[in-house]
Amino acid sequence: MKDYYGILEVNEKASPEIIDKAYKTLVKKYHPDLYSSIEKIEADKKLQDINEAYHILSDHFLRSQYDLELQRERMRSQEKQREEIQAESTYQNENKTWNAKQLKHKKQRNKKENVKTKNHVGTVLGLADVVKALWENRPERTEKRKMNQKDWLAFGLTILALLIIGTILWFIPFTNGWMRQLLFENPISNLIAGLFS
């Protein structure tokens, strides 16, 4: 909908005299005879809009009808803005709810994993949990690569750390029986020992 008040550059509460004066001023300003070529076409279009606005706003009945329609248009626009704001608010609330549920599930999963891990602290299962966590959280590689010097060093240090931990567990009286059972009574260790004997 065209804003005739804006076209005539007057206030919506302008009196008929002010509208008439604004019309005459704008007609003089945008008269096509004052312009050349392309500017003349633009001035002609502007003058048509000015004449249309003046025709509506100078007639009391047409102006009242236009004011009613303008008011309805503004109300529809405000209603549309309210609906958009409400829809955005609803979307944000749903998004917050979804994020809260995801966070709750993540906390519950972490809590279960922590309880599971706490039950295994100091055992071979605890060590397996650590290795499993490291394996699952490793960076993804797109292609297999050969082990470089740092990888061999890390592998060697890991083996050395396991041997030191095994030696310490061997000399602790409480874990000595468990280590003997693991090394000598385990069918896998017996199989490995049989390979080397």
C-alpha atoms as a PDB file:
ATOM      1  CA  MET A   1       0.000   0.000   0.000  1.00  0.00           C
ATOM      2  CA  LYS A   2       1.385   3.395  -0.971  1.00  0.00           C
ATOM      3  CA  ASP A   3       2.124   5.932   1.732  1.00  0.00           C
ATOM      4  CA  TYR A   4       0.408   9.003   0.334  1.00  0.00           C
ATOM      5  CA  TYR A   5       1.371  11.121   3.333  1.00  0.00           C
ATOM      6  CA  GLY A   6       4.990  10.240   2.730  1.00  0.00           C
ATOM      7  CA  ILE A   7       4.679  11.016  -0.990  1.00  0.00           C
ATOM      8  CA  LEU A   8       3.305  14.487  -0.230  1.00  0.00           C
ATOM      9  CA  GLU A   9       5.799  14.848   2.648  1.00  0.00           C
ATOM     10  CA  VAL A  10       3.135  15.813   5.195  1.00  0.00           C
ATOM     11  CA  ASN A  11       1.983  14.560   8.564  1.00  0.00           C
ATOM     12  CA  GLU A  12      -1.059  12.285   8.808  1.00  0.00           C
ATOM     13  CA  LYS A  13      -2.860  14.970  10.814  1.00  0.00           C
ATOM     14  CA  ALA A  14      -2.134  17.680   8.240  1.00  0.00           C
ATOM     15  CA  SER A  15      -4.988  20.027   7.402  1.00  0.00           C
ATOM     16  CA  PRO A  16      -6.359  20.283   3.845  1.00  0.00           C
ATOM     17  CA  GLU A  17      -4.583  23.633   3.451  1.00  0.00           C
ATOM     18  CA  ILE A  18      -1.195  22.116   4.300  1.00  0.00           C
ATOM     19  CA  ILE A  19      -1.830  19.197   1.922  1.00  0.00           C
ATOM     20  CA  ASP A  20      -2.779  21.649  -0.833  1.00  0.00           C
ATOM     21  CA  LYS A  21       0.334  23.756  -0.230  1.00  0.00           C
ATOM     22  CA  ALA A  22       2.613  20.648  -0.161  1.00  0.00           C
ATOM     23  CA  TYR A  23       1.036  19.435  -3.405  1.00  0.00           C
ATOM     24  CA  LYS A  24       1.676  22.724  -5.213  1.00  0.00           C
ATOM     25  CA  THR A  25       5.284  22.842  -3.958  1.00  0.00           C
ATOM     26  CA  LEU A  26       5.997  19.280  -5.113  1.00  0.00           C
ATOM     27  CA  VAL A  27       4.340  19.815  -8.509  1.00  0.00           C
ATOM     28  CA  LYS A  28       6.664  22.764  -9.127  1.00  0.00           C
ATOM     29  CA  LYS A  29       9.667  20.765  -7.908  1.00  0.00           C
ATOM     30  CA  TYR A  30       9.027  17.638 -10.021  1.00  0.00           C
ATOM     31  CA  HIS A  31       7.474  19.172 -13.140  1.00  0.00           C
ATOM     32  CA  PRO A  32       8.823  17.143 -16.126  1.00  0.00           C
ATOM     33  CA  ASP A  33       9.628  20.269 -18.143  1.00  0.00           C
ATOM     34  CA  LEU A  34      12.379  21.089 -15.632  1.00  0.00           C
ATOM     35  CA  TYR A  35      14.285  17.858 -16.363  1.00  0.00           C
ATOM     36  CA  SER A  36      15.962  16.217 -19.344  1.00  0.00           C
ATOM     37  CA  SER A  37      15.837  12.638 -20.745  1.00  0.00           C
ATOM     38  CA  ILE A  38      16.151   9.983 -17.975  1.00  0.00           C
ATOM     39  CA  GLU A  39      15.537  12.459 -15.167  1.00  0.00           C
ATOM     40  CA  LYS A  40      12.390  13.568 -16.997  1.00  0.00           C
ATOM     41  CA  ILE A  41      10.992   9.990 -16.910  1.00  0.00           C
ATOM     42  CA  GLU A  42      11.695   9.695 -13.175  1.00  0.00           C
ATOM     43  CA  ALA A  43      10.161  13.120 -12.518  1.00  0.00           C
ATOM     44  CA  ASP A  44       7.068  12.113 -14.512  1.00  0.00           C
ATOM     45  CA  LYS A  45       6.631   8.949 -12.392  1.00  0.00           C
ATOM     46  CA  LYS A  46       7.102  10.961  -9.219  1.00  0.00           C
ATOM     47  CA  LEU A  47       4.544  13.528 -10.418  1.00  0.00           C
ATOM     48  CA  GLN A  48       2.024  10.747 -11.121  1.00  0.00           C
ATOM     49  CA  ASP A  49       2.432   9.495  -7.546  1.00  0.00           C
ATOM     50  CA  ILE A  50       2.036  13.057  -6.224  1.00  0.00           C
ATOM     51  CA  ASN A  51      -1.160  13.569  -8.245  1.00  0.00           C
ATOM     52  CA  GLU A  52      -2.577  10.242  -7.030  1.00  0.00           C
ATOM     53  CA  ALA A  53      -1.750  11.074  -3.407  1.00  0.00           C
ATOM     54  CA  TYR A  54      -3.286  14.523  -3.720  1.00  0.00           C
ATOM     55  CA  HIS A  55      -6.426  13.102  -5.330  1.00  0.00           C
ATOM     56  CA  ILE A  56      -6.933  10.751  -2.363  1.00  0.00           C
ATOM     57  CA  LEU A  57      -5.922  13.120   0.446  1.00  0.00           C
ATOM     58  CA  SER A  58      -7.733  16.196  -0.856  1.00  0.00           C
ATOM     59  CA  ASP A  59     -11.101  14.414  -0.909  1.00  0.00           C
ATOM     60  CA  HIS A  60     -12.524  14.107   2.619  1.00  0.00           C
ATOM     61  CA  PHE A  61     -14.324  10.765   2.006  1.00  0.00           C
ATOM     62  CA  LEU A  62     -11.408   9.140   0.137  1.00  0.00           C
ATOM     63  CA  ARG A  63      -8.984  10.335   2.809  1.00  0.00           C
ATOM     64  CA  SER A  64     -11.071   8.809   5.610  1.00  0.00           C
ATOM     65  CA  GLN A  65     -11.273   5.518   3.691  1.00  0.00           C
ATOM     66  CA  TYR A  66      -7.529   5.637   3.068  1.00  0.00           C
ATOM     67  CA  ASP A  67      -6.840   6.347   6.761  1.00  0.00           C
ATOM     68  CA  LEU A  68      -8.955   3.338   7.764  1.00  0.00           C
ATOM     69  CA  GLU A  69      -7.162   1.095   5.284  1.00  0.00           C
ATOM     70  CA  LEU A  70      -3.775   2.462   6.423  1.00  0.00           C
ATOM     71  CA  GLN A  71      -4.695   1.731  10.031  1.00  0.00           C
ATOM     72  CA  ARG A  72      -5.759  -1.833   9.119  1.00  0.00           C
ATOM     73  CA  GLU A  73      -2.503  -2.329   7.201  1.00  0.00           C
ATOM     74  CA  ARG A  74      -0.479  -1.216  10.227  1.00  0.00           C
ATOM     75  CA  MET A  75      -2.462  -3.511  12.511  1.00  0.00           C
ATOM     76  CA  ARG A  76      -1.850  -6.445  10.151  1.00  0.00           C
ATOM     77  CA  SER A  77       1.834  -5.559  10.030  1.00  0.00           C
ATOM     78  CA  GLN A  78       2.025  -5.381  13.826  1.00  0.00           C
ATOM     79  CA  GLU A  79       0.169  -8.696  14.125  1.00  0.00           C
ATOM     80  CA  LYS A  80       2.560 -10.284  11.643  1.00  0.00           C
ATOM     81  CA  GLN A  81       5.544  -8.962  13.625  1.00  0.00           C
ATOM     82  CA  ARG A  82       4.034 -10.344  16.844  1.00  0.00           C
ATOM     83  CA  GLU A  83       3.537 -13.735  15.190  1.00  0.00           C
ATOM     84  CA  GLU A  84       7.119 -13.728  13.906  1.00  0.00           C
ATOM     85  CA  ILE A  85       8.445 -12.796  17.359  1.00  0.00           C
ATOM     86  CA  GLN A  86       6.264 -15.493  18.951  1.00  0.00           C
ATOM     87  CA  ALA A  87       7.419 -18.066  16.402  1.00  0.00           C
ATOM     88  CA  GLU A  88      11.055 -17.110  17.007  1.00  0.00           C
ATOM     89  CA  SER A  89      10.506 -17.302  20.772  1.00  0.00           C
ATOM     90  CA  THR A  90       8.858 -20.723  20.415  1.00  0.00           C
ATOM     91  CA  TYR A  91      11.724 -21.929  18.240  1.00  0.00           C
ATOM     92  CA  GLN A  92      14.291 -20.677  20.761  1.00  0.00           C
ATOM     93  CA  ASN A  93      12.412 -22.319  23.643  1.00  0.00           C
ATOM     94  CA  GLU A  94      12.204 -25.624  21.763  1.00  0.00           C
ATOM     95  CA  ASN A  95      15.893 -25.358  20.912  1.00  0.00           C
ATOM     96  CA  LYS A  96      16.755 -24.652  24.559  1.00  0.00           C
ATOM     97  CA  THR A  97      14.632 -27.618  25.663  1.00  0.00           C
ATOM     98  CA  TRP A  98      16.321 -29.891  23.123  1.00  0.00           C
ATOM     99  CA  ASN A  99      19.775 -28.667  24.187  1.00  0.00           C
ATOM    100  CA  ALA A 100      18.866 -29.175  27.842  1.00  0.00           C
ATOM    101  CA  LYS A 101      17.733 -32.744  27.107  1.00  0.00           C
ATOM    102  CA  GLN A 102      20.931 -33.450  25.164  1.00  0.00           C
ATOM    103  CA  LEU A 103      23.016 -32.039  28.031  1.00  0.00           C
ATOM    104  CA  LYS A 104      21.046 -34.108  30.550  1.00  0.00           C
ATOM    105  CA  HIS A 105      21.584 -37.308  28.515  1.00  0.00           C
ATOM    106  CA  LYS A 106      25.273 -36.513  28.143  1.00  0.00           C
ATOM    107  CA  LYS A 107      25.641 -35.932  31.899  1.00  0.00           C
ATOM    108  CA  GLN A 108      23.822 -39.185  32.641  1.00  0.00           C
ATOM    109  CA  ARG A 109      26.016 -41.077  30.164  1.00  0.00           C
ATOM    110  CA  ASN A 110      29.177 -39.532  31.643  1.00  0.00           C
ATOM    111  CA  LYS A 111      27.952 -40.332  35.151  1.00  0.00           C
ATOM    112  CA  LYS A 112      27.361 -43.987  34.181  1.00  0.00           C
ATOM    113  CA  GLU A 113      30.788 -44.188  32.558  1.00  0.00           C
ATOM    114  CA  ASN A 114      32.415 -42.594  35.623  1.00  0.00           C
ATOM    115  CA  VAL A 115      30.681 -45.083  37.950  1.00  0.00           C
ATOM    116  CA  LYS A 116      31.731 -47.925  35.660  1.00  0.00           C
ATOM    117  CA  THR A 117      35.296 -46.625  35.551  1.00  0.00           C
ATOM    118  CA  LYS A 118      35.430 -46.043  39.334  1.00  0.00           C
ATOM    119  CA  ASN A 119      34.492 -49.677  39.898  1.00  0.00           C
ATOM    120  CA  HIS A 120      37.485 -50.774  37.812  1.00  0.00           C
ATOM    121  CA  VAL A 121      40.161 -48.425  39.210  1.00  0.00           C
ATOM    122  CA  GLY A 122      43.378 -50.333  39.923  1.00  0.00           C
ATOM    123  CA  THR A 123      42.371 -53.410  37.953  1.00  0.00           C
ATOM    124  CA  VAL A 124      43.126 -54.775  34.519  1.00  0.00           C
ATOM    125  CA  LEU A 125      39.587 -53.748  33.532  1.00  0.00           C
ATOM    126  CA  GLY A 126      40.466 -50.183  34.579  1.00  0.00           C
ATOM    127  CA  LEU A 127      43.497 -50.296  32.316  1.00  0.00           C
ATOM    128  CA  ALA A 128      41.298 -51.696  29.544  1.00  0.00           C
ATOM    129  CA  ASP A 129      38.851 -48.808  30.085  1.00  0.00           C
ATOM    130  CA  VAL A 130      41.679 -46.291  29.746  1.00  0.00           C
ATOM    131  CA  VAL A 131      42.949 -47.926  26.558  1.00  0.00           C
ATOM    132  CA  LYS A 132      39.389 -48.085  25.199  1.00  0.00           C
ATOM    133  CA  ALA A 133      38.819 -44.389  25.972  1.00  0.00           C
ATOM    134  CA  LEU A 134      42.097 -43.455  24.307  1.00  0.00           C
ATOM    135  CA  TRP A 135      41.195 -45.544  21.250  1.00  0.00           C
ATOM    136  CA  GLU A 136      37.690 -44.048  20.945  1.00  0.00           C
ATOM    137  CA  ASN A 137      38.951 -40.462  21.366  1.00  0.00           C
ATOM    138  CA  ARG A 138      41.851 -40.766  18.949  1.00  0.00           C
ATOM    139  CA  PRO A 139      41.936 -38.323  16.051  1.00  0.00           C
ATOM    140  CA  GLU A 140      40.477 -39.761  12.863  1.00  0.00           C
ATOM    141  CA  ARG A 141      43.009 -40.404  10.126  1.00  0.00           C
ATOM    142  CA  THR A 142      42.003 -40.584   6.510  1.00  0.00           C
ATOM    143  CA  GLU A 143      44.850 -42.856   5.509  1.00  0.00           C
ATOM    144  CA  LYS A 144      47.009 -45.398   7.303  1.00  0.00           C
ATOM    145  CA  ARG A 145      50.545 -44.299   7.889  1.00  0.00           C
ATOM    146  CA  LYS A 146      53.731 -45.965   9.005  1.00  0.00           C
ATOM    147  CA  MET A 147      54.876 -45.584  12.571  1.00  0.00           C
ATOM    148  CA  ASN A 148      57.363 -42.773  12.863  1.00  0.00           C
ATOM    149  CA  GLN A 149      60.068 -42.305  15.475  1.00  0.00           C
ATOM    150  CA  LYS A 150      57.720 -40.658  18.000  1.00  0.00           C
ATOM    151  CA  ASP A 151      55.244 -43.533  17.696  1.00  0.00           C
ATOM    152  CA  TRP A 152      57.972 -46.115  18.358  1.00  0.00           C
ATOM    153  CA  LEU A 153      59.175 -44.081  21.338  1.00  0.00           C
ATOM    154  CA  ALA A 154      55.613 -43.901  22.754  1.00  0.00           C
ATOM    155  CA  PHE A 155      55.144 -47.647  22.168  1.00  0.00           C
ATOM    156  CA  GLY A 156      58.438 -48.425  23.915  1.00  0.00           C
ATOM    157  CA  LEU A 157      57.632 -46.168  26.870  1.00  0.00           C
ATOM    158  CA  THR A 158      54.222 -47.849  27.217  1.00  0.00           C
ATOM    159  CA  ILE A 159      55.805 -51.312  27.319  1.00  0.00           C
ATOM    160  CA  LEU A 160      58.395 -50.060  29.822  1.00  0.00           C
ATOM    161  CA  ALA A 161      55.662 -48.547  32.016  1.00  0.00           C
ATOM    162  CA  LEU A 162      53.713 -51.834  31.946  1.00  0.00           C
ATOM    163  CA  LEU A 163      56.844 -53.800  32.933  1.00  0.00           C
ATOM    164  CA  ILE A 164      57.549 -51.402  35.823  1.00  0.00           C
ATOM    165  CA  ILE A 165      53.944 -51.613  37.026  1.00  0.00           C
ATOM    166  CA  GLY A 166      54.042 -55.416  36.725  1.00  0.00           C
ATOM    167  CA  THR A 167      57.310 -55.551  38.722  1.00  0.00           C
ATOM    168  CA  ILE A 168      55.871 -53.309  41.443  1.00  0.00           C
ATOM    169  CA  LEU A 169      52.728 -55.456  41.625  1.00  0.00           C
ATOM    170  CA  TRP A 170      54.938 -58.576  41.834  1.00  0.00           C
ATOM    171  CA  PHE A 171      56.698 -57.301  44.957  1.00  0.00           C
ATOM    172  CA  ILE A 172      53.579 -56.095  46.765  1.00  0.00           C
ATOM    173  CA  PRO A 173      52.410 -58.964  48.975  1.00  0.00           C
ATOM    174  CA  PHE A 174      48.745 -58.249  48.444  1.00  0.00           C
ATOM    175  CA  THR A 175      48.980 -58.475  44.627  1.00  0.00           C
ATOM    176  CA  ASN A 176      51.737 -61.124  44.413  1.00  0.00           C
ATOM    177  CA  GLY A 177      49.284 -64.033  44.393  1.00  0.00           C
ATOM    178  CA  TRP A 178      47.192 -62.387  41.688  1.00  0.00           C
ATOM    179  CA  MET A 179      50.305 -61.749  39.537  1.00  0.00           C
ATOM    180  CA  ARG A 180      51.446 -65.400  39.950  1.00  0.00           C
ATOM    181  CA  GLN A 181      48.012 -66.592  38.936  1.00  0.00           C
ATOM    182  CA  LEU A 182      47.988 -64.248  35.937  1.00  0.00           C
ATOM    183  CA  LEU A 183      51.473 -65.264  34.764  1.00  0.00           C
ATOM    184  CA  PHE A 184      51.693 -68.961  35.571  1.00  0.00           C
ATOM    185  CA  GLU A 185      48.166 -70.349  35.781  1.00  0.00           C
ATOM    186  CA  ASN A 186      46.700 -68.525  32.821  1.00  0.00           C
ATOM    187  CA  PRO A 187      46.341 -70.741  29.690  1.00  0.00           C
ATOM    188  CA  ILE A 188      47.422 -67.902  27.403  1.00  0.00           C
ATOM    189  CA  SER A 189      50.600 -67.212  29.374  1.00  0.00           C
ATOM    190  CA  ASN A 190      51.311 -70.971  29.451  1.00  0.00           C
ATOM    191  CA  LEU A 191      50.908 -71.077  25.666  1.00  0.00           C
ATOM    192  CA  ILE A 192      53.321 -68.150  25.232  1.00  0.00           C
ATOM    193  CA  ALA A 193      55.804 -69.697  27.653  1.00  0.00           C
ATOM    194  CA  GLY A 194      55.551 -72.987  25.737  1.00  0.00           C
ATOM    195  CA  LEU A 195      56.515 -71.176  22.518  1.00  0.00           C
ATOM    196  CA  PHE A 196      59.756 -69.913  24.054  1.00  0.00           C
ATOM    197  CA  SER A 197      60.784 -73.123  25.846  1.00  0.00           C
END
